[in-house]
Amino acid sequence: MRVWRVRKLSGLLRLWRIRRNIGNVTVAFALTAPVLLIVTTIAIDFGLATTVKSKLDAAADAAALSALTPTMLQQTDAKAQSAATAMFNARAAGIGTLIQGQTVVSVVITHPNSGLVRQVTVSYSAETNSIFSNALKAANMGLGGTATARASMPPNIDFYLLLDNSPSMSLPATTAGVTQMQNLTTKQYSGAGCAFACHQASTNNGDTEGNPCSDGSAPTLSGGAYCAANNSAGRPITQIDNYTLARQNNITLRLDELSSGVTQLTQTASKYQSSALFATPPQYRFAAYQMDTPWQVGTTDYLLMGLTSNYVSAWTSAAANFAVMEMYANSVGCANAACTTGVTLDDIATNYDVAMSSINSTMPSPGQGSNLPSDTPQEVLFFVTDGVEDEQNVIRLIQPINAGTSTNYCTLIKSRGIKIAVLYTVYLPVPANSFYMQYVAPIQSNLGPALQACASPGLYYQAAIGANLGAALATLFQAAVQSAALSN
C-alpha cells in the first residue's frame, strides 16, 4: 500500500506540472499576441508600401524619359516639363492605395554644360493607406523618390570650306603625273620641264616653249613666236599653256582631287546626318570659298557655294566654278576674266592674311548647335592648302602660315569658338624646278608644323602626294563632328 501511494502521488505531481506549463504558455501567448499582430501588420504594410513605391519609381522613370523622346527633344523645356508631369500623374492615378490629393510631383529640366544636353529630374512625394494606420487612426505612410535621366543631341554645325586654288595646287596629283608633265615640257626650265602644270595665259614665250599650237599643229617658229600668228581663216594661233596641256593629256591635278574630295565630303556628311545613329538628326550646312578668283587676286575670298543645307547638289553645281587662279605671265596676274591683259602682282597667289581675315569676317559668331530657341549652329572651318604663303609685303614673301605677321588669324578664329580643320596637301619635292629649290625647299619642313598649330586639337591631317583627298576630308569630318559633340 505504501508503495502504491507514492506512485499515485508522483502521477498527480506530473499532471499538476503539465497544467502549470499550459497555463504559462497561455499567459505568454496572451501577452505576445498583440506584439506579433503589430509586427505582422507592419510587415504587411511595409510590403505593400514597397510595392507602391516601386510603382511610383517606375512612374517617375517613365516621366523623365518622356521628356527625352526624339520628338520631345525638339520641343521647348516647358512642353517637355508638362509632358513629364502628365506622364507621372497618369501612372500614379492607377495606384489605388494612394491618398487622394496627397501626391505631389516636381519636374526640373536643366542643361549641364550646354543646350545639347537635357537633364530631367522628377521628384515626388505621396501617402498611401496602410492596415496599421487605419486600425490605430495613425498618420498614413509617406513615400518619396527621385528619378534623373539625360539625353544629348548631336550638334547642328555650319561648315565653311576655304580652298586653296593657288598655282601650286596645279601640281599633278601623283608622282607619275609629275613625271609625265615634265616629259611633256622638256624645252622649259632649262630642260627640267614644268612639274607644276604652269597656267599663265600669255603664250608663245619661254614658259610655254615646245607646247602644241592651239590648232593642234606642232610649233615650228622660234624667237618668241612659236606658232603662226593666224591660220588660214585669219584666227590667232598660239601655243596652249601648260594647264591646258595637262588637261589635254588627262593628267589629274591636285585641284581635281580636291574638287572630287569635296564631293565625297558632302556625301559623307549627308549620309552621316541621315543615318539611324541619331534619334534627333543633326542639321548641317556647308559654304565653300576659294582663296582667289580664277583670274585675279582679290581682297576677299571668292564665293563658290553659299551656306546651304542642300550642299550635295549645290556643290555639284559649284564645282564647275572651282578653278585654278590663272596668271597672265610670270609675276603678272590677269586684269580681266578673259586674261587678255595683265596687272603686276608679283605673284601674290597665296595671301593667307587676306584669306583668313576675309573668312573670319564672313563667319558669324557660333552657337552651341542645339535646337533651343535663339541658339545657332556650331561652326567649323575646313582649310585645305599646300601651306605656302606667297604674297607681296614690301618685298616678296614666301613663308608658312602666320609667319612674319602681326595678326595670327588662326588663333583669332579659334578664340571665337570656331574650330579649324586643316588638310595639308604636301608639296612634292621637285629638285629639278628652280622655283621650288629657291623658295619652297628652304621652308618645306616648317609647313606642316605651322598648319598643325593653326588647326584645332585633333583636326589636322597631312595628305602626301597621291593620297585620296576625299578620304582625308571624310576623316577630318568625322573628327570634327566628334570634337563638336564632346566639347559640350
Protein backbone atom coordinates (compact mmCIF):
# COMPACT_ATOMS: atom_id res chain seq x y z
CA MET A 1 0.00 0.00 0.00
CA ARG A 2 2.74 2.43 0.77
CA VAL A 3 4.41 1.89 -2.49
CA TRP A 4 1.17 2.42 -4.35
CA ARG A 5 0.55 5.73 -2.65
CA VAL A 6 3.96 7.04 -3.63
CA ARG A 7 3.35 6.16 -7.25
CA LYS A 8 -0.09 7.80 -7.17
CA LEU A 9 1.36 10.94 -5.67
CA SER A 10 4.05 11.05 -8.36
CA GLY A 11 1.41 10.96 -11.14
CA LEU A 12 -0.53 13.80 -9.56
CA LEU A 13 2.60 15.91 -9.46
CA ARG A 14 3.24 15.34 -13.14
CA LEU A 15 -0.33 16.29 -14.01
CA TRP A 16 -0.03 19.45 -11.98
CA ARG A 17 3.18 20.40 -13.72
CA ILE A 18 1.64 19.89 -17.17
CA ARG A 19 -1.32 22.08 -16.30
CA ARG A 20 1.01 24.71 -14.94
CA ASN A 21 3.05 24.72 -18.18
CA ILE A 22 -0.07 25.04 -20.28
CA GLY A 23 -1.09 27.96 -18.21
CA ASN A 24 2.27 29.59 -18.68
CA VAL A 25 2.04 29.17 -22.44
CA THR A 26 -1.44 30.61 -22.48
CA VAL A 27 -0.34 33.59 -20.47
CA ALA A 28 2.73 34.08 -22.69
CA PHE A 29 0.63 33.86 -25.83
CA ALA A 30 -1.86 36.32 -24.42
CA LEU A 31 0.96 38.71 -23.68
CA THR A 32 2.81 38.35 -27.02
CA ALA A 33 -0.13 38.06 -29.42
CA PRO A 34 -0.66 41.83 -29.79
CA VAL A 35 3.03 42.34 -30.45
CA LEU A 36 3.03 39.60 -33.06
CA LEU A 37 -0.05 41.12 -34.65
CA ILE A 38 1.57 44.53 -34.80
CA VAL A 39 4.78 43.14 -36.27
CA THR A 40 2.85 41.13 -38.84
CA THR A 41 0.74 44.14 -39.75
CA ILE A 42 3.80 46.34 -40.10
CA ALA A 43 5.47 43.70 -42.29
CA ILE A 44 2.41 43.54 -44.50
CA ASP A 45 2.18 47.33 -44.64
CA PHE A 46 5.88 47.58 -45.45
CA GLY A 47 5.50 45.05 -48.25
CA LEU A 48 2.53 46.94 -49.67
CA ALA A 49 4.37 50.25 -49.37
CA THR A 50 7.40 48.79 -51.13
CA THR A 51 5.17 47.69 -53.98
CA VAL A 52 3.55 51.11 -54.18
CA LYS A 53 6.93 52.85 -54.11
CA SER A 54 8.18 50.61 -56.91
CA LYS A 55 5.20 51.68 -58.99
CA LEU A 56 5.82 55.35 -58.17
CA ASP A 57 9.53 54.98 -59.03
CA ALA A 58 8.56 53.41 -62.33
CA ALA A 59 6.19 56.31 -62.96
CA ALA A 60 8.99 58.78 -62.21
CA ASP A 61 11.34 56.94 -64.59
CA ALA A 62 8.73 56.94 -67.34
CA ALA A 63 8.05 60.63 -66.74
CA ALA A 64 11.74 61.56 -67.01
CA LEU A 65 12.16 59.54 -70.21
CA SER A 66 9.01 61.01 -71.74
CA ALA A 67 10.76 64.40 -71.79
CA LEU A 68 13.67 62.91 -73.74
CA THR A 69 11.96 61.25 -76.67
CA PRO A 70 13.21 62.27 -80.14
CA THR A 71 10.04 64.28 -80.68
CA MET A 72 10.17 65.95 -77.27
CA LEU A 73 13.85 66.86 -77.67
CA GLN A 74 12.71 69.14 -80.46
CA GLN A 75 10.26 70.88 -78.11
CA THR A 76 10.83 73.57 -75.51
CA ASP A 77 11.68 72.77 -71.91
CA ALA A 78 8.23 73.96 -70.83
CA LYS A 79 6.48 71.48 -73.11
CA ALA A 80 8.81 68.69 -72.02
CA GLN A 81 8.13 69.54 -68.38
CA SER A 82 4.36 69.42 -68.93
CA ALA A 83 4.66 66.09 -70.73
CA ALA A 84 6.69 64.57 -67.90
CA THR A 85 4.26 65.82 -65.25
CA ALA A 86 1.29 64.43 -67.16
CA MET A 87 3.02 61.08 -67.58
CA PHE A 88 3.72 60.75 -63.86
CA ASN A 89 0.22 61.77 -62.82
CA ALA A 90 -1.36 59.33 -65.26
CA ARG A 91 0.72 56.46 -63.90
CA ALA A 92 0.12 57.46 -60.28
CA ALA A 93 -3.64 57.64 -60.81
CA GLY A 94 -3.66 53.89 -61.42
CA ILE A 95 -2.30 53.13 -57.95
CA GLY A 96 -5.47 52.62 -55.85
CA THR A 97 -3.94 52.80 -52.36
CA LEU A 98 -2.64 56.35 -52.68
CA ILE A 99 -4.37 59.01 -50.60
CA GLN A 100 -6.14 61.35 -52.99
CA GLY A 101 -4.73 64.87 -53.12
CA GLN A 102 -1.52 63.95 -51.31
CA THR A 103 0.61 63.10 -54.35
CA VAL A 104 2.95 65.90 -55.45
CA VAL A 105 5.37 65.73 -58.39
CA SER A 106 8.10 68.18 -59.39
CA VAL A 107 9.85 68.14 -62.78
CA VAL A 108 13.06 70.14 -63.15
CA ILE A 109 14.86 70.43 -66.50
CA THR A 110 18.45 71.64 -66.71
CA HIS A 111 21.15 71.72 -69.39
CA PRO A 112 24.51 70.69 -67.93
CA ASN A 113 27.42 72.19 -69.89
CA SER A 114 25.33 73.23 -72.90
CA GLY A 115 21.96 73.21 -74.59
CA LEU A 116 22.94 69.97 -76.30
CA VAL A 117 22.26 68.05 -73.07
CA ARG A 118 18.82 67.92 -71.45
CA GLN A 119 18.66 66.57 -67.91
CA VAL A 120 15.27 65.79 -66.37
CA THR A 121 14.83 65.30 -62.63
CA VAL A 122 11.45 64.03 -61.41
CA SER A 123 10.81 64.18 -57.64
CA TYR A 124 7.62 63.03 -55.93
CA SER A 125 6.03 62.68 -52.50
CA ALA A 126 2.89 60.67 -51.75
CA GLU A 127 0.90 58.99 -48.96
CA THR A 128 -0.56 55.50 -49.06
CA ASN A 129 -3.16 53.69 -46.95
CA SER A 130 -1.95 51.03 -44.51
CA ILE A 131 -3.59 48.47 -42.25
CA PHE A 132 -1.73 49.77 -39.23
CA SER A 133 -2.65 53.41 -39.75
CA ASN A 134 -6.32 52.58 -40.36
CA ALA A 135 -6.55 50.40 -37.26
CA LEU A 136 -4.89 52.90 -34.96
CA LYS A 137 -6.14 56.05 -36.63
CA ALA A 138 -2.50 56.96 -37.13
CA ALA A 139 -0.86 59.01 -39.86
CA ASN A 140 -0.71 57.48 -43.32
CA MET A 141 2.55 56.07 -44.63
CA GLY A 142 4.59 58.68 -46.54
CA LEU A 143 6.61 57.83 -49.64
CA GLY A 144 9.07 59.79 -51.79
CA GLY A 145 11.62 59.36 -54.53
CA THR A 146 13.60 60.91 -57.37
CA ALA A 147 14.43 59.83 -60.91
CA THR A 148 17.00 61.52 -63.17
CA ALA A 149 17.67 60.96 -66.85
CA ARG A 150 19.56 62.83 -69.53
CA ALA A 151 20.00 62.72 -73.27
CA SER A 152 22.36 64.54 -75.57
CA MET A 153 21.80 65.68 -79.12
CA PRO A 154 24.44 65.83 -81.85
CA PRO A 155 25.19 69.48 -82.53
CA ASN A 156 23.98 71.37 -85.56
CA ILE A 157 27.06 72.58 -87.45
CA ASP A 158 27.78 75.04 -90.24
CA PHE A 159 30.89 74.07 -92.22
CA TYR A 160 32.86 76.71 -94.12
CA LEU A 161 35.32 75.42 -96.73
CA LEU A 162 38.30 77.62 -97.59
CA LEU A 163 40.00 76.02 -100.60
CA ASP A 164 43.44 76.95 -101.86
CA ASN A 165 43.35 77.40 -105.65
CA SER A 166 46.82 78.92 -105.98
CA PRO A 167 49.18 77.95 -108.84
CA SER A 168 50.87 75.24 -106.80
CA MET A 169 47.55 73.42 -106.46
CA SER A 170 48.01 72.66 -110.18
CA LEU A 171 50.72 70.21 -109.17
CA PRO A 172 49.88 66.77 -110.58
CA ALA A 173 48.20 64.56 -108.03
CA THR A 174 50.62 61.63 -108.44
CA THR A 175 54.34 61.14 -108.95
CA ALA A 176 53.54 59.54 -112.30
CA GLY A 177 51.66 62.70 -113.28
CA VAL A 178 54.60 64.87 -112.28
CA THR A 179 56.94 62.80 -114.42
CA GLN A 180 54.50 62.87 -117.35
CA MET A 181 54.19 66.66 -117.11
CA GLN A 182 57.95 67.11 -117.04
CA ASN A 183 58.35 64.87 -120.07
CA LEU A 184 55.80 66.94 -122.00
CA THR A 185 57.65 70.21 -121.29
CA THR A 186 61.31 69.31 -121.74
CA LYS A 187 62.08 72.61 -123.53
CA GLN A 188 61.10 74.64 -120.49
CA TYR A 189 63.03 75.47 -117.31
CA SER A 190 66.40 74.62 -118.85
CA GLY A 191 65.18 71.22 -119.89
CA ALA A 192 63.79 70.26 -116.44
CA GLY A 193 60.19 70.72 -117.52
CA CYS A 194 57.27 72.25 -115.64
CA ALA A 195 56.03 69.89 -112.94
CA PHE A 196 53.59 72.48 -111.62
CA ALA A 197 51.29 72.49 -114.66
CA CYS A 198 52.00 76.21 -115.02
CA HIS A 199 48.96 78.04 -116.23
CA GLN A 200 49.76 81.53 -117.42
CA ALA A 201 47.63 82.70 -120.31
CA SER A 202 50.44 84.56 -122.03
CA THR A 203 51.91 82.12 -124.55
CA ASN A 204 54.46 81.94 -127.35
CA ASN A 205 57.21 82.51 -124.84
CA GLY A 206 59.81 80.56 -122.90
CA ASP A 207 57.30 79.40 -120.30
CA THR A 208 55.29 77.57 -122.96
CA GLU A 209 58.09 76.65 -125.34
CA GLY A 210 57.56 73.33 -127.05
CA ASN A 211 53.82 73.13 -126.35
CA PRO A 212 51.47 72.35 -129.25
CA CYS A 213 49.71 75.16 -131.04
CA SER A 214 46.06 75.86 -130.34
CA ASP A 215 45.07 74.42 -133.72
CA GLY A 216 46.81 71.14 -132.90
CA SER A 217 49.85 71.75 -135.06
CA ALA A 218 53.40 71.47 -133.80
CA PRO A 219 55.28 74.70 -133.06
CA THR A 220 57.83 75.44 -135.73
CA LEU A 221 58.74 79.09 -135.34
CA SER A 222 61.32 80.50 -132.95
CA GLY A 223 62.42 83.78 -131.48
CA GLY A 224 59.38 84.16 -129.22
CA ALA A 225 56.81 83.34 -131.90
CA TYR A 226 56.42 79.60 -131.73
CA CYS A 227 53.15 79.36 -133.64
CA ALA A 228 51.89 81.20 -136.69
CA ALA A 229 50.12 84.48 -135.94
CA ASN A 230 46.97 83.44 -137.76
CA ASN A 231 45.59 80.40 -139.52
CA SER A 232 44.06 80.28 -142.99
CA ALA A 233 40.79 81.60 -141.60
CA GLY A 234 42.53 84.57 -140.05
CA ARG A 235 42.15 83.29 -136.47
CA PRO A 236 45.04 83.69 -133.99
CA ILE A 237 47.18 80.66 -133.40
CA THR A 238 49.17 80.47 -130.18
CA GLN A 239 50.62 77.74 -128.09
CA ILE A 240 48.49 76.22 -125.38
CA ASP A 241 49.61 76.87 -121.84
CA ASN A 242 50.78 74.10 -119.53
CA TYR A 243 47.47 73.95 -117.69
CA THR A 244 45.69 73.22 -120.95
CA LEU A 245 48.47 70.77 -121.82
CA ALA A 246 47.80 68.84 -118.62
CA ARG A 247 44.10 68.82 -119.42
CA GLN A 248 44.67 67.53 -122.95
CA ASN A 249 46.77 64.68 -121.58
CA ASN A 250 44.30 63.75 -118.83
CA ILE A 251 46.77 64.47 -116.06
CA THR A 252 44.92 64.67 -112.78
CA LEU A 253 45.93 67.71 -110.74
CA ARG A 254 45.69 68.34 -107.03
CA LEU A 255 42.88 70.76 -107.79
CA ASP A 256 40.91 67.94 -109.44
CA GLU A 257 41.49 65.69 -106.46
CA LEU A 258 40.34 68.44 -104.14
CA SER A 259 37.17 69.06 -106.13
CA SER A 260 36.21 65.38 -106.07
CA GLY A 261 37.29 65.25 -102.42
CA VAL A 262 34.78 67.94 -101.51
CA THR A 263 32.14 65.90 -103.34
CA GLN A 264 33.00 62.91 -101.14
CA LEU A 265 32.97 65.14 -98.07
CA THR A 266 29.45 66.43 -98.75
CA GLN A 267 28.19 62.92 -99.46
CA THR A 268 29.74 61.65 -96.23
CA ALA A 269 28.11 64.45 -94.26
CA SER A 270 24.72 63.75 -95.85
CA LYS A 271 24.88 60.03 -95.05
CA TYR A 272 26.04 60.72 -91.51
CA GLN A 273 23.28 63.26 -90.97
CA SER A 274 20.53 60.98 -92.26
CA SER A 275 21.80 57.74 -90.69
CA ALA A 276 20.00 55.83 -87.97
CA LEU A 277 22.70 56.77 -85.46
CA PHE A 278 20.73 59.68 -84.10
CA ALA A 279 17.25 59.79 -82.63
CA THR A 280 17.39 63.51 -83.32
CA PRO A 281 19.42 64.04 -86.51
CA PRO A 282 21.80 67.00 -86.57
CA GLN A 283 21.38 69.75 -89.11
CA TYR A 284 24.41 70.51 -91.30
CA ARG A 285 25.05 73.33 -93.74
CA PHE A 286 28.04 73.96 -95.99
CA ALA A 287 29.53 77.00 -97.67
CA ALA A 288 32.58 76.97 -99.94
CA TYR A 289 35.09 79.67 -100.86
CA GLN A 290 38.24 79.59 -102.93
CA MET A 291 41.05 81.88 -101.91
CA ASP A 292 41.13 83.80 -105.20
CA THR A 293 39.02 84.21 -108.29
CA PRO A 294 40.26 82.11 -111.20
CA TRP A 295 41.69 85.22 -112.86
CA GLN A 296 42.65 87.83 -110.31
CA VAL A 297 43.82 88.05 -106.73
CA GLY A 298 41.16 89.85 -104.75
CA THR A 299 40.80 91.35 -101.30
CA THR A 300 38.18 88.82 -100.23
CA ASP A 301 37.65 85.11 -100.72
CA TYR A 302 35.71 84.10 -103.80
CA LEU A 303 32.33 82.54 -103.06
CA LEU A 304 31.77 79.18 -104.69
CA MET A 305 28.74 77.97 -102.75
CA GLY A 306 26.60 79.95 -100.33
CA LEU A 307 25.68 78.43 -96.99
CA THR A 308 23.06 75.78 -97.69
CA SER A 309 21.55 72.61 -96.28
CA ASN A 310 21.29 71.22 -99.84
CA TYR A 311 25.04 71.02 -100.02
CA VAL A 312 25.38 67.82 -102.07
CA SER A 313 23.54 69.15 -105.11
CA ALA A 314 24.84 72.68 -104.53
CA TRP A 315 28.46 71.54 -104.68
CA THR A 316 27.75 69.56 -107.85
CA SER A 317 26.86 72.87 -109.45
CA ALA A 318 29.55 74.93 -107.73
CA ALA A 319 32.40 72.55 -108.58
CA ALA A 320 32.32 73.73 -112.20
CA ASN A 321 33.47 77.16 -110.97
CA PHE A 322 36.28 75.81 -108.83
CA ALA A 323 39.31 76.61 -110.96
CA VAL A 324 42.98 77.37 -110.57
CA MET A 325 43.99 81.02 -110.40
CA GLU A 326 45.43 81.98 -113.78
CA MET A 327 48.36 84.28 -114.33
CA TYR A 328 48.79 86.39 -117.45
CA ALA A 329 52.53 85.86 -117.21
CA ASN A 330 55.15 85.29 -114.57
CA SER A 331 54.55 87.80 -111.74
CA VAL A 332 51.66 89.29 -113.70
CA GLY A 333 48.07 88.49 -112.78
CA CYS A 334 45.09 88.64 -115.09
CA ALA A 335 43.43 92.02 -115.21
CA ASN A 336 40.15 90.65 -116.55
CA ALA A 337 38.25 87.39 -116.81
CA ALA A 338 39.43 86.82 -120.38
CA CYS A 339 43.02 87.21 -119.16
CA THR A 340 43.92 89.25 -122.25
CA THR A 341 45.89 91.83 -120.27
CA GLY A 342 47.87 91.71 -117.09
CA VAL A 343 48.39 93.59 -113.85
CA THR A 344 51.61 93.36 -111.89
CA LEU A 345 51.05 91.45 -108.68
CA ASP A 346 54.46 89.91 -108.14
CA ASP A 347 52.77 86.53 -107.83
CA ILE A 348 50.56 87.36 -104.86
CA ALA A 349 48.98 83.97 -105.28
CA THR A 350 48.50 82.69 -101.74
CA ASN A 351 47.87 85.51 -99.32
CA TYR A 352 46.86 83.80 -96.09
CA ASP A 353 46.35 87.09 -94.24
CA VAL A 354 43.75 88.19 -96.79
CA ALA A 355 42.12 84.75 -96.98
CA MET A 356 41.86 84.20 -93.23
CA SER A 357 40.82 87.76 -92.49
CA SER A 358 38.09 87.52 -95.11
CA ILE A 359 36.71 84.17 -93.94
CA ASN A 360 36.82 85.37 -90.33
CA SER A 361 34.62 88.32 -91.29
CA THR A 362 32.31 86.01 -93.23
CA MET A 363 31.61 83.56 -90.42
CA PRO A 364 29.15 84.80 -87.76
CA SER A 365 29.55 84.10 -84.08
CA PRO A 366 28.84 80.41 -83.44
CA GLY A 367 26.29 79.00 -81.03
CA GLN A 368 26.10 75.70 -79.18
CA GLY A 369 24.33 73.91 -82.01
CA SER A 370 21.26 72.92 -80.01
CA ASN A 371 17.63 73.21 -81.00
CA LEU A 372 16.85 75.62 -78.18
CA PRO A 373 15.18 78.88 -79.19
CA SER A 374 17.62 81.59 -80.28
CA ASP A 375 20.56 79.16 -80.39
CA THR A 376 22.69 78.98 -83.55
CA PRO A 377 24.84 76.21 -85.06
CA GLN A 378 28.40 75.49 -84.14
CA GLU A 379 30.96 76.35 -86.82
CA VAL A 380 33.90 74.51 -88.32
CA LEU A 381 36.32 75.99 -90.84
CA PHE A 382 37.77 73.43 -93.26
CA PHE A 383 41.03 74.86 -94.60
CA VAL A 384 42.69 72.97 -97.46
CA THR A 385 46.07 74.26 -98.63
CA ASP A 386 49.62 73.29 -99.55
CA GLY A 387 50.91 75.53 -96.80
CA VAL A 388 52.99 78.08 -98.74
CA GLU A 389 52.13 81.74 -98.35
CA ASP A 390 53.16 83.77 -101.40
CA GLU A 391 52.49 87.48 -101.06
CA GLN A 392 53.91 90.93 -101.65
CA ASN A 393 54.71 92.73 -98.42
CA VAL A 394 57.33 95.39 -99.26
CA ILE A 395 59.29 92.52 -100.77
CA ARG A 396 58.10 89.16 -101.98
CA LEU A 397 57.45 86.77 -99.10
CA ILE A 398 57.20 83.01 -99.41
CA GLN A 399 56.65 81.58 -95.96
CA PRO A 400 54.46 79.29 -93.83
CA ILE A 401 51.14 80.50 -92.50
CA ASN A 402 51.26 83.09 -89.69
CA ALA A 403 54.98 83.76 -90.24
CA GLY A 404 56.02 87.41 -90.05
CA THR A 405 52.53 88.75 -89.44
CA SER A 406 51.22 90.77 -86.52
CA THR A 407 47.85 89.02 -86.54
CA ASN A 408 47.57 85.27 -86.06
CA TYR A 409 44.23 84.72 -87.74
CA CYS A 410 44.15 81.05 -86.80
CA THR A 411 44.28 81.98 -83.12
CA LEU A 412 41.78 84.78 -83.67
CA ILE A 413 39.26 82.46 -85.34
CA LYS A 414 39.66 79.74 -82.71
CA SER A 415 39.26 82.26 -79.91
CA ARG A 416 35.75 82.94 -81.24
CA GLY A 417 34.80 79.32 -80.59
CA ILE A 418 35.15 78.27 -84.22
CA LYS A 419 37.07 75.04 -84.82
CA ILE A 420 39.61 74.85 -87.64
CA ALA A 421 40.17 71.58 -89.51
CA VAL A 422 43.27 71.69 -91.71
CA LEU A 423 44.06 69.39 -94.61
CA TYR A 424 47.69 69.90 -95.62
CA THR A 425 48.29 68.81 -99.21
CA VAL A 426 52.02 68.25 -99.03
CA TYR A 427 54.26 69.84 -101.63
CA LEU A 428 56.04 67.17 -103.66
CA PRO A 429 59.76 67.99 -103.74
CA VAL A 430 60.78 68.83 -107.31
CA PRO A 431 64.54 69.40 -107.17
CA ALA A 432 64.70 69.97 -110.93
CA ASN A 433 62.47 73.02 -110.62
CA SER A 434 64.43 76.19 -109.84
CA PHE A 435 61.42 77.95 -108.30
CA TYR A 436 60.87 75.08 -105.88
CA MET A 437 64.52 74.91 -104.92
CA GLN A 438 64.83 78.65 -104.37
CA TYR A 439 61.62 79.38 -102.50
CA VAL A 440 59.89 76.25 -101.23
CA ALA A 441 62.63 73.79 -100.33
CA PRO A 442 64.17 76.02 -97.61
CA ILE A 443 60.88 76.28 -95.70
CA GLN A 444 59.19 72.96 -96.53
CA SER A 445 59.98 71.36 -93.17
CA ASN A 446 58.18 74.24 -91.43
CA LEU A 447 54.92 73.99 -93.40
CA GLY A 448 53.34 71.02 -91.62
CA PRO A 449 54.06 72.22 -88.05
CA ALA A 450 52.74 75.72 -88.88
CA LEU A 451 49.48 74.32 -90.27
CA GLN A 452 49.10 71.89 -87.37
CA ALA A 453 49.44 74.82 -84.98
CA CYS A 454 46.68 76.56 -86.95
CA ALA A 455 44.33 73.58 -86.59
CA SER A 456 42.21 72.83 -83.54
CA PRO A 457 43.40 69.81 -81.49
CA GLY A 458 42.82 66.57 -83.35
CA LEU A 459 41.70 68.31 -86.55
CA TYR A 460 44.88 68.20 -88.62
CA TYR A 461 45.53 65.81 -91.50
CA GLN A 462 48.56 65.61 -93.75
CA ALA A 463 47.92 64.23 -97.24
CA ALA A 464 51.01 63.16 -99.14
CA ILE A 465 51.26 63.16 -102.91
CA GLY A 466 48.92 60.53 -104.32
CA ALA A 467 46.72 60.49 -101.21
CA ASN A 468 42.94 60.26 -101.53
CA LEU A 469 41.85 63.76 -100.56
CA GLY A 470 38.21 62.69 -100.33
CA ALA A 471 39.06 60.04 -97.74
CA ALA A 472 41.22 62.58 -95.90
CA LEU A 473 38.37 65.12 -95.80
CA ALA A 474 35.92 62.43 -94.65
CA THR A 475 38.29 61.51 -91.81
CA LEU A 476 38.56 65.16 -90.82
CA PHE A 477 34.77 65.48 -90.93
CA GLN A 478 34.28 62.57 -88.53
CA ALA A 479 36.88 64.03 -86.18
CA ALA A 480 35.27 67.48 -86.35
CA VAL A 481 31.79 66.12 -85.59
CA GLN A 482 33.05 64.08 -82.63
CA SER A 483 35.04 67.04 -81.33
CA ALA A 484 31.97 69.27 -81.55
CA ALA A 485 29.86 66.79 -79.58
CA LEU A 486 32.45 66.04 -76.89
CA SER A 487 33.28 69.65 -76.15
CA ASN A 488 29.75 70.41 -74.98
